[in-house]
């Protein structure tokens, strides 16, 4: 199908006609069918996906499945998983799924089996993690490392940050405790707090950057290096020199080993990943070192196994039973046919605090595109604006807009069915289980109210306008059997594949980010002008004035 004219394809046209009818129907009308919940619910890899509260019916889904076939989704899935060059603008594959293949697998890409290299990195990670957990990784003065600070940004930060927080209760009990921290902001505001509190003798930094040129990360890394050298070498601690500090206090994770070596990272402290892994898809390999340090390598491999289980489901399940495909089609229906451009992610589990932020990058950096593979500008909407936070907190914040505002929003509710089974004290366990039950009640009640509006309330008499609820807001509910490394891996992979299916239908490339690259380029030019105090004449009037304000402040500070 010519993706530049997707909005004139047969399936697209039929969906547009069908949408005219469905826009006139309220969600409450669709629930006259008692079997609706079962009809629109699917399960795989420890996840249950309930799409019954979407504003669609069986005909809608059949038309969407026809669109997926017409757009080449089955062929796209095979191309992605077999290592074809689906990243067309950079002429390379997108092989994050290869990072979770088991060691006995084989995937030959461009004449090379990539699996042995993947597991070589995982084995090196395992060796590093064991050294930390057995107190064998020691700083330059011989004391065991206690604090590890990950210096990264974007996917090199958000993925590990999200997973370490979600799985913090999976820490191996018999391991030496290592505290893992994250610093991503280029202004140093996160890093300065750590440097004020941590002991340099027991602190190690992981520099995570695919290109090893990311200015945000390297500016933090230089500050960290100077802090360590000043405290451990310049202060004259006996027997400690710069080479020892670099060897004992820095690990590098990058696709550029030469740049890591040039910066001073010892070869034995380098973890590699590959150009065919995008940063926002990279937590499954070396970028996941902070995760493995928190949960242990066995649980890290469980995380990979859960993601691989979803990969297998994505590859093998029929389109109508395929969780990523169905989730993607619900999004296509909302964005392109119901004109719903806002999407909120609402986890009902405090451990998933950073999941919405993670998906914001995954989806908007991947599919925030307006040019098709063949370079045409799209004539239809692509990625919605994604946002969200923990559902119980959001209920006291922006749910007012969801229930009574004028903006249509689709919501994903995410929750584990079971929690706190492993709490030893019976009384405490009962209290916590009751809290979890209350949390699930809130989760289910909110999606029901968003669906039904006023009809969800059994209250006699006419309500005034300020107490009216229109409902008809579509939602998806995703239930995890439990939140474990395996089910979290499956959940993340589910959304990764959803993004790819939508990109395939829209005819865009999920795996580049030229908008991000342009921002880096322009920022570099502006930083040079600020530093050199010249060259701003070519700027627009607003930017010139902002630059001059910085220069005036610098002059006043120098007086």
Protein backbone atom coordinates (compact mmCIF):
# COMPACT_ATOMS: atom_id res chain seq x y z
CA UNK A 1 0.00 0.00 0.00
CA UNK A 2 1.25 3.50 -0.80
CA UNK A 3 1.58 4.97 2.69
CA UNK A 4 1.48 8.53 1.40
CA UNK A 5 -2.15 7.92 0.40
CA UNK A 6 -3.22 5.73 3.32
CA UNK A 7 -6.18 7.97 4.03
CA UNK A 8 -7.54 7.09 0.58
CA UNK A 9 -7.06 3.32 0.89
CA UNK A 10 -10.08 1.03 0.80
CA UNK A 11 -9.79 -0.06 4.44
CA UNK A 12 -9.19 3.50 5.62
CA UNK A 13 -12.21 4.75 3.70
CA UNK A 14 -14.46 2.06 5.16
CA UNK A 15 -13.25 2.90 8.67
CA UNK A 16 -13.91 6.60 8.13
CA UNK A 17 -17.48 5.82 7.06
CA UNK A 18 -17.95 3.46 9.99
CA UNK A 19 -16.61 6.10 12.41
CA UNK A 20 -19.45 8.44 11.45
CA UNK A 21 -21.87 5.91 12.89
CA UNK A 22 -19.79 5.06 15.97
CA UNK A 23 -19.32 8.70 16.97
CA UNK A 24 -23.07 8.89 17.53
CA UNK A 25 -23.07 5.95 19.92
CA UNK A 26 -22.27 6.21 23.62
CA UNK A 27 -20.16 3.54 25.28
CA UNK A 28 -23.03 2.66 27.61
CA UNK A 29 -25.01 1.48 24.57
CA UNK A 30 -22.28 -0.98 23.62
CA UNK A 31 -22.51 -2.80 26.95
CA UNK A 32 -25.97 -4.18 26.31
CA UNK A 33 -24.07 -7.28 25.15
CA UNK A 34 -23.30 -9.28 28.31
CA UNK A 35 -20.39 -11.07 26.60
CA UNK A 36 -18.62 -7.86 25.55
CA UNK A 37 -15.96 -8.10 28.26
CA UNK A 38 -14.95 -11.58 27.18
CA UNK A 39 -15.09 -10.75 23.46
CA UNK A 40 -12.59 -7.90 23.78
CA UNK A 41 -10.21 -9.44 26.33
CA UNK A 42 -7.01 -11.34 25.49
CA UNK A 43 -4.22 -12.87 27.60
CA UNK A 44 -0.54 -13.62 27.00
CA UNK A 45 2.76 -13.74 28.92
CA UNK A 46 1.17 -13.07 32.32
CA UNK A 47 -0.83 -10.07 31.06
CA UNK A 48 -4.57 -9.56 30.55
CA UNK A 49 -5.62 -6.91 28.03
CA UNK A 50 -9.21 -5.65 28.37
CA UNK A 51 -10.25 -3.47 25.42
CA UNK A 52 -13.99 -3.74 26.05
CA UNK A 53 -14.24 -0.09 27.17
CA UNK A 54 -12.95 1.19 23.83
CA UNK A 55 -15.54 2.95 21.68
CA UNK A 56 -15.73 0.18 19.11
CA UNK A 57 -17.60 -2.97 18.24
CA UNK A 58 -16.89 -6.20 16.41
CA UNK A 59 -17.29 -4.54 13.02
CA UNK A 60 -14.81 -1.84 13.99
CA UNK A 61 -12.23 -4.42 14.94
CA UNK A 62 -12.70 -6.38 11.72
CA UNK A 63 -12.22 -3.21 9.68
CA UNK A 64 -9.11 -2.32 11.69
CA UNK A 65 -7.69 -5.80 11.16
CA UNK A 66 -8.30 -5.36 7.41
CA UNK A 67 -6.40 -2.08 7.60
CA UNK A 68 -3.52 -3.82 9.39
CA UNK A 69 -3.33 -6.48 6.69
CA UNK A 70 -3.59 -3.88 3.93
CA UNK A 71 -0.77 -1.88 5.54
CA UNK A 72 1.46 -4.97 5.69
CA UNK A 73 1.55 -5.46 9.46
CA UNK A 74 2.17 -9.26 9.23
CA UNK A 75 5.05 -8.65 6.84
CA UNK A 76 6.33 -5.85 9.06
CA UNK A 77 6.41 -8.11 12.10
CA UNK A 78 8.44 -10.70 10.21
CA UNK A 79 10.81 -8.01 8.91
CA UNK A 80 11.38 -6.56 12.39
CA UNK A 81 12.05 -9.88 14.09
CA UNK A 82 14.21 -11.32 11.30
CA UNK A 83 16.61 -8.37 11.24
CA UNK A 84 15.62 -6.66 8.01
CA UNK A 85 16.57 -3.00 7.68
CA UNK A 86 13.32 -1.59 9.06
CA UNK A 87 15.13 1.61 10.09
CA UNK A 88 15.06 2.84 6.53
CA UNK A 89 16.46 6.35 7.06
CA UNK A 90 19.63 4.93 8.66
CA UNK A 91 19.61 1.71 6.58
CA UNK A 92 19.89 -0.74 9.46
CA UNK A 93 17.78 -3.17 11.45
CA UNK A 94 16.15 -2.46 14.80
CA UNK A 95 17.15 -5.46 16.87
CA UNK A 96 16.21 -4.74 20.46
CA UNK A 97 14.36 -8.07 20.35
CA UNK A 98 17.72 -9.79 19.71
CA UNK A 99 18.92 -8.56 23.11
CA UNK A 100 16.47 -10.93 24.78
CA UNK A 101 16.97 -14.00 22.61
CA UNK A 102 18.09 -17.07 24.58
CA UNK A 103 21.72 -18.20 24.15
CA UNK A 104 20.77 -21.24 22.08
CA UNK A 105 19.00 -19.07 19.49
CA UNK A 106 20.52 -17.90 16.22
CA UNK A 107 19.76 -14.72 14.29
CA UNK A 108 21.92 -14.03 11.25
CA UNK A 109 21.81 -10.37 10.22
CA UNK A 110 23.87 -9.06 7.32
CA UNK A 111 25.89 -12.28 7.36
CA UNK A 112 26.60 -12.35 11.11
CA UNK A 113 24.92 -14.23 13.94
CA UNK A 114 24.27 -11.48 16.49
CA UNK A 115 23.30 -13.75 19.40
CA UNK A 116 26.85 -14.69 20.57
CA UNK A 117 27.82 -11.02 20.85
CA UNK A 118 24.67 -10.24 22.83
CA UNK A 119 25.43 -12.98 25.35
CA UNK A 120 29.08 -12.05 25.56
CA UNK A 121 27.96 -8.65 26.84
CA UNK A 122 25.44 -10.26 29.21
CA UNK A 123 28.15 -12.56 30.55
CA UNK A 124 30.47 -9.60 31.12
CA UNK A 125 27.64 -7.83 32.92
CA UNK A 126 27.12 -10.91 35.08
CA UNK A 127 30.80 -10.91 36.05
CA UNK A 128 30.64 -7.23 36.97
CA UNK A 129 27.46 -7.68 39.01
CA UNK A 130 28.94 -10.60 40.92
CA UNK A 131 32.01 -8.52 41.80
CA UNK A 132 29.78 -5.78 43.22
CA UNK A 133 27.52 -8.17 45.09
CA UNK A 134 30.44 -10.07 46.67
CA UNK A 135 32.29 -6.89 47.73
CA UNK A 136 35.07 -7.63 45.25
CA UNK A 137 34.68 -4.41 43.24
CA UNK A 138 36.64 -1.98 45.33
CA UNK A 139 37.53 1.65 44.94
CA UNK A 140 41.05 3.00 44.60
CA UNK A 141 41.60 2.90 48.37
CA UNK A 142 40.43 -0.71 48.68
CA UNK A 143 36.97 -0.09 50.12
CA UNK A 144 33.97 -1.88 48.50
CA UNK A 145 31.83 0.24 46.19
CA UNK A 146 28.57 1.23 47.86
CA UNK A 147 27.07 3.94 45.60
CA UNK A 148 26.77 3.58 41.81
CA UNK A 149 25.64 6.64 39.85
CA UNK A 150 24.34 6.10 36.33
CA UNK A 151 25.14 9.07 34.10
CA UNK A 152 22.88 8.97 31.07
CA UNK A 153 19.95 10.73 29.44
CA UNK A 154 16.90 9.65 27.49
CA UNK A 155 16.79 5.90 27.01
CA UNK A 156 20.09 5.52 28.86
CA UNK A 157 18.36 6.94 31.92
CA UNK A 158 14.59 6.45 31.73
CA UNK A 159 14.62 2.69 31.08
CA UNK A 160 16.98 1.72 33.92
CA UNK A 161 15.39 4.28 36.25
CA UNK A 162 11.89 2.95 35.59
CA UNK A 163 12.80 -0.73 35.96
CA UNK A 164 15.01 -0.38 39.05
CA UNK A 165 12.20 1.47 40.81
CA UNK A 166 9.56 -1.04 39.68
CA UNK A 167 11.58 -4.07 40.78
CA UNK A 168 13.36 -2.71 43.84
CA UNK A 169 11.77 -5.38 46.04
CA UNK A 170 13.48 -8.08 43.94
CA UNK A 171 16.91 -7.33 45.43
CA UNK A 172 18.84 -10.56 46.15
CA UNK A 173 18.98 -10.93 49.92
CA UNK A 174 22.45 -12.46 50.10
CA UNK A 175 24.18 -9.77 48.01
CA UNK A 176 26.29 -6.86 49.22
CA UNK A 177 23.94 -3.87 49.10
CA UNK A 178 24.74 -1.40 46.33
CA UNK A 179 22.71 1.80 46.10
CA UNK A 180 22.04 2.85 42.49
CA UNK A 181 21.33 6.48 41.62
CA UNK A 182 20.63 8.38 38.40
CA UNK A 183 21.86 11.75 37.13
CA UNK A 184 20.63 12.94 33.75
CA UNK A 185 20.20 16.71 33.82
CA UNK A 186 22.96 18.66 32.11
CA UNK A 187 22.66 21.51 34.66
CA UNK A 188 24.25 19.29 37.31
CA UNK A 189 21.41 19.73 39.80
CA UNK A 190 21.09 15.98 40.41
CA UNK A 191 24.82 15.30 40.43
CA UNK A 192 25.71 18.07 42.88
CA UNK A 193 23.50 16.48 45.53
CA UNK A 194 25.31 13.16 45.19
CA UNK A 195 28.77 14.73 45.26
CA UNK A 196 27.87 16.55 48.47
CA UNK A 197 26.77 13.35 50.23
CA UNK A 198 28.74 10.42 48.84
CA UNK A 199 32.15 9.15 49.83
CA UNK A 200 34.44 9.22 46.76
CA UNK A 201 36.26 6.13 48.03
CA UNK A 202 33.09 4.03 47.67
CA UNK A 203 31.40 5.69 44.66
CA UNK A 204 31.48 4.48 41.06
CA UNK A 205 30.02 6.11 37.93
CA UNK A 206 28.49 4.31 34.95
CA UNK A 207 28.70 6.48 31.83
CA UNK A 208 25.90 5.35 29.51
CA UNK A 209 25.86 6.88 26.04
CA UNK A 210 25.38 5.13 22.72
CA UNK A 211 27.54 7.63 20.84
CA UNK A 212 29.69 8.60 23.84
CA UNK A 213 29.35 12.20 22.64
CA UNK A 214 26.08 13.17 24.39
CA UNK A 215 26.81 16.57 25.91
CA UNK A 216 24.42 16.11 28.86
CA UNK A 217 26.09 12.87 29.92
CA UNK A 218 29.70 13.86 29.29
CA UNK A 219 29.35 17.16 31.13
CA UNK A 220 28.22 15.22 34.20
CA UNK A 221 30.98 12.65 33.64
CA UNK A 222 33.70 15.31 33.52
CA UNK A 223 32.40 16.83 36.75
CA UNK A 224 32.38 13.40 38.40
CA UNK A 225 35.91 12.64 37.19
CA UNK A 226 37.27 15.96 38.46
CA UNK A 227 35.55 15.39 41.82
CA UNK A 228 37.12 11.95 42.22
CA UNK A 229 40.57 13.10 41.14
CA UNK A 230 40.46 16.10 43.46
CA UNK A 231 39.37 14.01 46.43
CA UNK A 232 41.49 10.90 45.83
CA UNK A 233 44.58 12.05 43.94
CA UNK A 234 45.15 15.74 44.48
CA UNK A 235 44.49 15.38 48.21
CA UNK A 236 47.44 13.00 48.25
CA UNK A 237 45.97 9.66 49.32
CA UNK A 238 48.96 7.34 49.31
CA UNK A 239 49.23 4.93 46.39
CA UNK A 240 46.29 6.38 44.45
CA UNK A 241 46.86 7.83 40.98
CA UNK A 242 44.64 8.88 38.10
CA UNK A 243 44.91 5.55 36.28
CA UNK A 244 43.73 3.68 39.38
CA UNK A 245 40.81 6.04 39.88
CA UNK A 246 39.69 5.63 36.27
CA UNK A 247 39.98 1.84 36.49
CA UNK A 248 38.18 1.39 39.81
CA UNK A 249 35.54 4.13 39.65
CA UNK A 250 34.24 4.21 36.06
CA UNK A 251 32.32 1.84 33.78
CA UNK A 252 31.34 2.78 30.25
CA UNK A 253 28.38 1.54 28.19
CA UNK A 254 28.41 2.55 24.54
CA UNK A 255 28.45 1.48 20.91
CA UNK A 256 31.79 3.32 20.55
CA UNK A 257 34.61 1.44 22.35
CA UNK A 258 37.25 3.73 20.84
CA UNK A 259 35.61 6.80 22.38
CA UNK A 260 35.30 5.08 25.75
CA UNK A 261 39.02 4.22 25.67
CA UNK A 262 39.89 7.76 24.60
CA UNK A 263 37.96 9.11 27.58
CA UNK A 264 39.88 6.84 29.92
CA UNK A 265 37.53 3.90 30.51
CA UNK A 266 39.54 0.69 30.98
CA UNK A 267 38.75 -1.92 28.32
CA UNK A 268 37.74 -4.43 31.00
CA UNK A 269 35.16 -1.90 32.24
CA UNK A 270 33.44 -1.41 28.88
CA UNK A 271 30.05 -2.85 27.99
CA UNK A 272 29.09 -2.71 24.32
CA UNK A 273 25.82 -2.33 22.54
CA UNK A 274 25.20 -1.92 18.87
CA UNK A 275 24.14 0.66 16.33
CA UNK A 276 21.08 -1.48 15.63
CA UNK A 277 19.69 -0.77 19.11
CA UNK A 278 17.97 2.57 19.62
CA UNK A 279 18.61 4.27 22.95
CA UNK A 280 14.98 4.06 24.08
CA UNK A 281 15.03 0.31 23.31
CA UNK A 282 18.34 -0.43 25.01
CA UNK A 283 17.57 -1.39 28.63
CA UNK A 284 17.77 -5.10 27.68
CA UNK A 285 21.55 -5.05 27.25
CA UNK A 286 24.53 -3.22 28.73
CA UNK A 287 22.44 -0.11 29.44
CA UNK A 288 20.58 -2.35 31.89
CA UNK A 289 23.63 -2.72 34.16
CA UNK A 290 22.03 -0.54 36.89
CA UNK A 291 18.98 -2.82 36.76
CA UNK A 292 21.11 -5.93 37.22
CA UNK A 293 22.98 -4.27 40.09
CA UNK A 294 19.67 -3.74 41.90
CA UNK A 295 17.78 -6.97 41.14
CA UNK A 296 20.63 -9.37 40.43
CA UNK A 297 21.52 -11.09 37.18
CA UNK A 298 19.06 -13.97 37.64
CA UNK A 299 16.13 -11.57 37.84
CA UNK A 300 17.56 -9.54 34.97
CA UNK A 301 17.46 -12.67 32.83
CA UNK A 302 13.85 -13.18 33.96
CA UNK A 303 13.12 -9.66 32.68
CA UNK A 304 14.60 -10.65 29.31
CA UNK A 305 12.64 -13.91 29.29
CA UNK A 306 9.36 -12.08 29.90
CA UNK A 307 10.05 -9.72 27.02
CA UNK A 308 11.02 -12.66 24.80
CA UNK A 309 7.72 -14.38 25.67
CA UNK A 310 5.90 -11.31 24.36
CA UNK A 311 8.14 -11.31 21.27
CA UNK A 312 7.12 -14.89 20.57
CA UNK A 313 3.45 -14.04 21.06
CA UNK A 314 3.84 -11.04 18.73
CA UNK A 315 5.42 -13.28 16.12
CA UNK A 316 3.06 -16.24 16.34
CA UNK A 317 -0.41 -15.07 17.43
CA UNK A 318 -3.06 -14.33 14.82
CA UNK A 319 -3.68 -10.60 14.38
CA UNK A 320 -7.08 -10.82 16.09
CA UNK A 321 -5.55 -12.40 19.20
CA UNK A 322 -2.27 -10.49 19.16
CA UNK A 323 -1.97 -8.16 22.18
CA UNK A 324 0.42 -5.59 20.64
CA UNK A 325 -1.60 -5.50 17.41
CA UNK A 326 -4.90 -5.01 19.24
CA UNK A 327 -3.48 -2.31 21.50
CA UNK A 328 -2.07 -0.55 18.45
CA UNK A 329 -5.34 -0.76 16.52
CA UNK A 330 -7.24 0.75 19.45
CA UNK A 331 -4.82 3.67 19.27
CA UNK A 332 -5.24 4.04 15.50
CA UNK A 333 -9.02 4.06 15.91
CA UNK A 334 -8.90 6.74 18.62
CA UNK A 335 -6.38 9.03 16.95
CA UNK A 336 -7.35 8.78 13.30
CA UNK A 337 -11.09 8.11 13.39
CA UNK A 338 -12.43 9.41 16.70
CA UNK A 339 -10.01 12.36 16.71
CA UNK A 340 -8.78 11.72 20.27
CA UNK A 341 -5.26 13.21 20.41
CA UNK A 342 -4.48 12.84 24.14
CA UNK A 343 -3.48 9.59 25.84
CA UNK A 344 -2.93 9.18 29.58
CA UNK A 345 -0.99 6.33 31.22
CA UNK A 346 -2.30 5.55 34.70
CA UNK A 347 -0.58 2.77 36.70
CA UNK A 348 -2.24 1.73 39.96
CA UNK A 349 0.94 0.52 41.65
CA UNK A 350 3.52 2.82 43.22
CA UNK A 351 6.33 0.71 41.85
CA UNK A 352 5.37 1.86 38.33
CA UNK A 353 5.88 5.52 39.22
CA UNK A 354 8.16 6.16 36.22
CA UNK A 355 6.30 4.02 33.69
CA UNK A 356 4.36 6.92 32.17
CA UNK A 357 7.57 8.92 31.69
CA UNK A 358 9.19 5.90 30.08
CA UNK A 359 6.30 5.50 27.63
CA UNK A 360 6.31 9.21 26.85
CA UNK A 361 9.76 8.80 25.35
CA UNK A 362 9.12 5.39 23.81
CA UNK A 363 6.02 6.52 21.94
CA UNK A 364 6.56 10.21 21.21
CA UNK A 365 10.22 9.92 20.22
CA UNK A 366 9.42 6.88 18.08
CA UNK A 367 6.21 7.97 16.40
CA UNK A 368 6.24 11.73 16.70
CA UNK A 369 6.84 11.91 12.94
CA UNK A 370 5.17 13.65 10.02
CA UNK A 371 7.06 12.19 7.04
CA UNK A 372 6.45 8.76 5.55
CA UNK A 373 9.14 6.29 4.49
CA UNK A 374 9.10 7.78 1.00
CA UNK A 375 9.44 11.35 2.29
CA UNK A 376 5.87 12.54 1.83
CA UNK A 377 4.23 14.65 4.51
CA UNK A 378 1.40 12.76 6.15
CA UNK A 379 -2.18 13.98 5.77
CA UNK A 380 -3.37 12.25 8.96
CA UNK A 381 -2.52 12.35 12.65
CA UNK A 382 0.23 10.12 14.00
CA UNK A 383 1.32 9.85 17.63
CA UNK A 384 -0.99 11.38 20.28
CA UNK A 385 0.35 13.43 23.16
CA UNK A 386 1.21 10.96 25.93
CA UNK A 387 1.22 11.88 29.61
CA UNK A 388 0.31 10.45 32.97
CA UNK A 389 1.33 9.52 36.50
CA UNK A 390 0.32 7.14 39.25
CA UNK A 391 -3.44 6.75 39.09
CA UNK A 392 -4.20 7.13 42.83
CA UNK A 393 -2.33 10.44 42.85
CA UNK A 394 -3.75 11.59 39.53
CA UNK A 395 -7.27 11.09 40.90
CA UNK A 396 -6.61 14.14 43.06
CA UNK A 397 -5.12 16.12 40.19
CA UNK A 398 -6.08 15.89 36.52
CA UNK A 399 -8.96 13.38 36.73
CA UNK A 400 -11.20 16.44 37.01
CA UNK A 401 -10.40 17.12 33.35
CA UNK A 402 -10.96 13.48 32.41
CA UNK A 403 -14.43 13.39 33.94
CA UNK A 404 -15.78 16.86 33.28
CA UNK A 405 -13.42 18.67 30.93
CA UNK A 406 -13.98 19.33 27.24
CA UNK A 407 -10.93 17.39 26.02
CA UNK A 408 -11.45 13.75 25.00
CA UNK A 409 -8.69 11.55 26.43
CA UNK A 410 -8.04 7.83 26.12
CA UNK A 411 -6.59 6.23 29.26
CA UNK A 412 -4.58 3.08 29.94
CA UNK A 413 -5.19 1.70 33.45
CA UNK A 414 -2.44 -0.70 34.58
CA UNK A 415 -2.43 -2.79 37.76
CA UNK A 416 -1.21 -6.12 39.19
CA UNK A 417 -3.93 -8.49 40.36
CA UNK A 418 -1.94 -9.85 43.31
CA UNK A 419 0.44 -8.18 45.72
CA UNK A 420 1.89 -8.61 49.22
CA UNK A 421 1.60 -12.42 49.32
CA UNK A 422 5.22 -12.59 50.50
CA UNK A 423 4.86 -10.29 53.53
CA UNK A 424 5.72 -12.50 56.51
CA UNK A 425 3.82 -10.79 59.33
CA UNK A 426 0.19 -11.91 58.98
CA UNK A 427 -1.41 -8.76 60.41
CA UNK A 428 0.69 -6.45 58.25
CA UNK A 429 0.04 -8.65 55.22
CA UNK A 430 -3.72 -8.42 55.77
CA UNK A 431 -3.58 -4.61 56.06
CA UNK A 432 -1.48 -4.28 52.91
CA UNK A 433 -3.70 -6.66 50.95
CA UNK A 434 -6.69 -4.55 51.98
CA UNK A 435 -4.90 -1.45 50.67
CA UNK A 436 -4.21 -3.24 47.41
CA UNK A 437 -7.86 -4.24 47.15
CA UNK A 438 -8.81 -0.57 47.70
CA UNK A 439 -6.39 0.44 44.95
CA UNK A 440 -7.93 -2.04 42.50
CA UNK A 441 -11.40 -0.82 43.44
CA UNK A 442 -10.37 2.73 42.57
CA UNK A 443 -8.81 1.60 39.30
CA UNK A 444 -11.89 -0.29 38.16
CA UNK A 445 -14.31 2.39 39.39
CA UNK A 446 -12.54 5.16 37.51
CA UNK A 447 -12.64 3.37 34.17
CA UNK A 448 -16.30 2.52 34.74
CA UNK A 449 -17.20 6.14 35.48
CA UNK A 450 -15.21 7.34 32.46
CA UNK A 451 -17.25 4.91 30.37
CA UNK A 452 -20.77 5.43 31.76
CA UNK A 453 -20.74 8.97 33.09
CA UNK A 454 -23.92 9.79 35.00
CA UNK A 455 -25.26 6.28 34.50
CA UNK A 456 -22.60 4.93 36.87
CA UNK A 457 -24.24 6.81 39.75
CA UNK A 458 -27.34 5.46 41.45
CA UNK A 459 -28.69 8.75 42.73
CA UNK A 460 -32.34 9.86 42.52
CA UNK A 461 -33.39 13.19 41.10
CA UNK A 462 -31.96 15.57 38.57
CA UNK A 463 -28.34 16.63 39.16
CA UNK A 464 -27.18 20.21 38.56
CA UNK A 465 -24.81 20.87 35.69
CA UNK A 466 -21.70 20.99 37.84
CA UNK A 467 -22.42 17.41 38.96
CA UNK A 468 -22.96 15.96 35.50
CA UNK A 469 -20.52 13.48 33.91
CA UNK A 470 -20.69 12.84 30.19
CA UNK A 471 -18.71 9.56 30.21
CA UNK A 472 -17.95 8.03 26.80
CA UNK A 473 -14.20 8.31 27.46
CA UNK A 474 -12.47 5.20 26.08
CA UNK A 475 -10.10 3.24 28.30
CA UNK A 476 -7.90 0.17 28.22
CA UNK A 477 -7.23 -1.94 31.30
CA UNK A 478 -4.01 -3.95 31.52
CA UNK A 479 -3.73 -6.42 34.37
CA UNK A 480 -0.53 -8.18 35.39
CA UNK A 481 -0.87 -11.46 37.27
CA UNK A 482 1.83 -10.05 39.55
CA UNK A 483 4.47 -7.37 39.00
CA UNK A 484 7.58 -9.52 38.52
CA UNK A 485 10.67 -9.18 36.33
CA UNK A 486 9.02 -11.45 33.76
CA UNK A 487 5.66 -9.66 33.61
CA UNK A 488 7.34 -6.23 33.56
CA UNK A 489 9.49 -7.41 30.66
CA UNK A 490 6.36 -8.55 28.82
CA UNK A 491 4.60 -5.25 29.57
CA UNK A 492 7.45 -3.16 28.17
CA UNK A 493 7.75 -5.35 25.08
CA UNK A 494 3.98 -5.07 24.56
CA UNK A 495 4.24 -1.30 24.25
CA UNK A 496 7.39 -1.50 22.10
CA UNK A 497 5.56 -3.67 19.59
CA UNK A 498 2.43 -1.53 19.77
CA UNK A 499 4.55 1.44 18.68
CA UNK A 500 5.95 -0.53 15.74
CA UNK A 501 2.53 -1.71 14.53
CA UNK A 502 1.18 1.84 14.58
CA UNK A 503 4.24 3.11 12.71
CA UNK A 504 3.74 0.40 10.10
CA UNK A 505 0.16 1.49 9.53
CA UNK A 506 1.12 5.17 9.45
CA UNK A 507 4.05 4.46 7.12
CA UNK A 508 6.60 6.18 9.38
CA UNK A 509 9.94 5.11 10.85
CA UNK A 510 9.88 4.43 14.61
CA UNK A 511 13.62 4.01 14.88
CA UNK A 512 15.15 7.38 14.06
CA UNK A 513 14.85 10.71 15.88
CA UNK A 514 16.07 13.52 13.67
CA UNK A 515 14.07 16.05 15.67
CA UNK A 516 16.20 15.18 18.70
CA UNK A 517 19.39 15.38 16.65
CA UNK A 518 18.48 18.81 15.30
CA UNK A 519 17.93 20.10 18.82
CA UNK A 520 21.39 18.86 19.84
CA UNK A 521 22.97 20.54 16.82
CA UNK A 522 21.32 23.91 17.40
CA UNK A 523 22.09 23.77 21.14
CA UNK A 524 25.76 23.19 20.35
CA UNK A 525 25.88 26.21 18.08
CA UNK A 526 24.14 28.38 20.68
CA UNK A 527 26.49 27.21 23.45
CA UNK A 528 29.48 28.19 21.31
CA UNK A 529 28.03 31.68 20.82
CA UNK A 530 27.40 32.05 24.55
CA UNK A 531 30.95 30.96 25.38
CA UNK A 532 32.73 33.02 22.69
CA UNK A 533 30.62 36.18 23.17
CA UNK A 534 30.18 36.66 19.45
CA UNK A 535 28.17 35.41 16.49
CA UNK A 536 24.69 36.12 17.75
CA UNK A 537 23.98 38.72 15.07
CA UNK A 538 22.50 36.09 12.77
CA UNK A 539 20.01 34.98 15.43
CA UNK A 540 16.37 36.07 15.60
CA UNK A 541 15.53 39.07 17.79
CA UNK A 542 14.20 36.98 20.67
CA UNK A 543 17.21 34.66 20.88
CA UNK A 544 19.63 37.62 20.56
CA UNK A 545 17.96 39.28 23.53
CA UNK A 546 18.15 36.09 25.60
CA UNK A 547 21.86 35.65 24.83
CA UNK A 548 22.58 39.27 25.68
CA UNK A 549 20.79 38.83 29.02
CA UNK A 550 23.22 35.99 29.87
CA UNK A 551 26.22 38.11 28.88
CA UNK A 552 25.01 41.03 31.04
CA UNK A 553 24.59 38.71 34.02
CA UNK A 554 28.11 37.32 33.49
CA UNK A 555 29.56 40.83 33.45
CA UNK A 556 27.77 41.72 36.68
CA UNK A 557 29.01 38.52 38.31
CA UNK A 558 32.62 39.33 37.35
CA UNK A 559 32.56 42.73 39.04
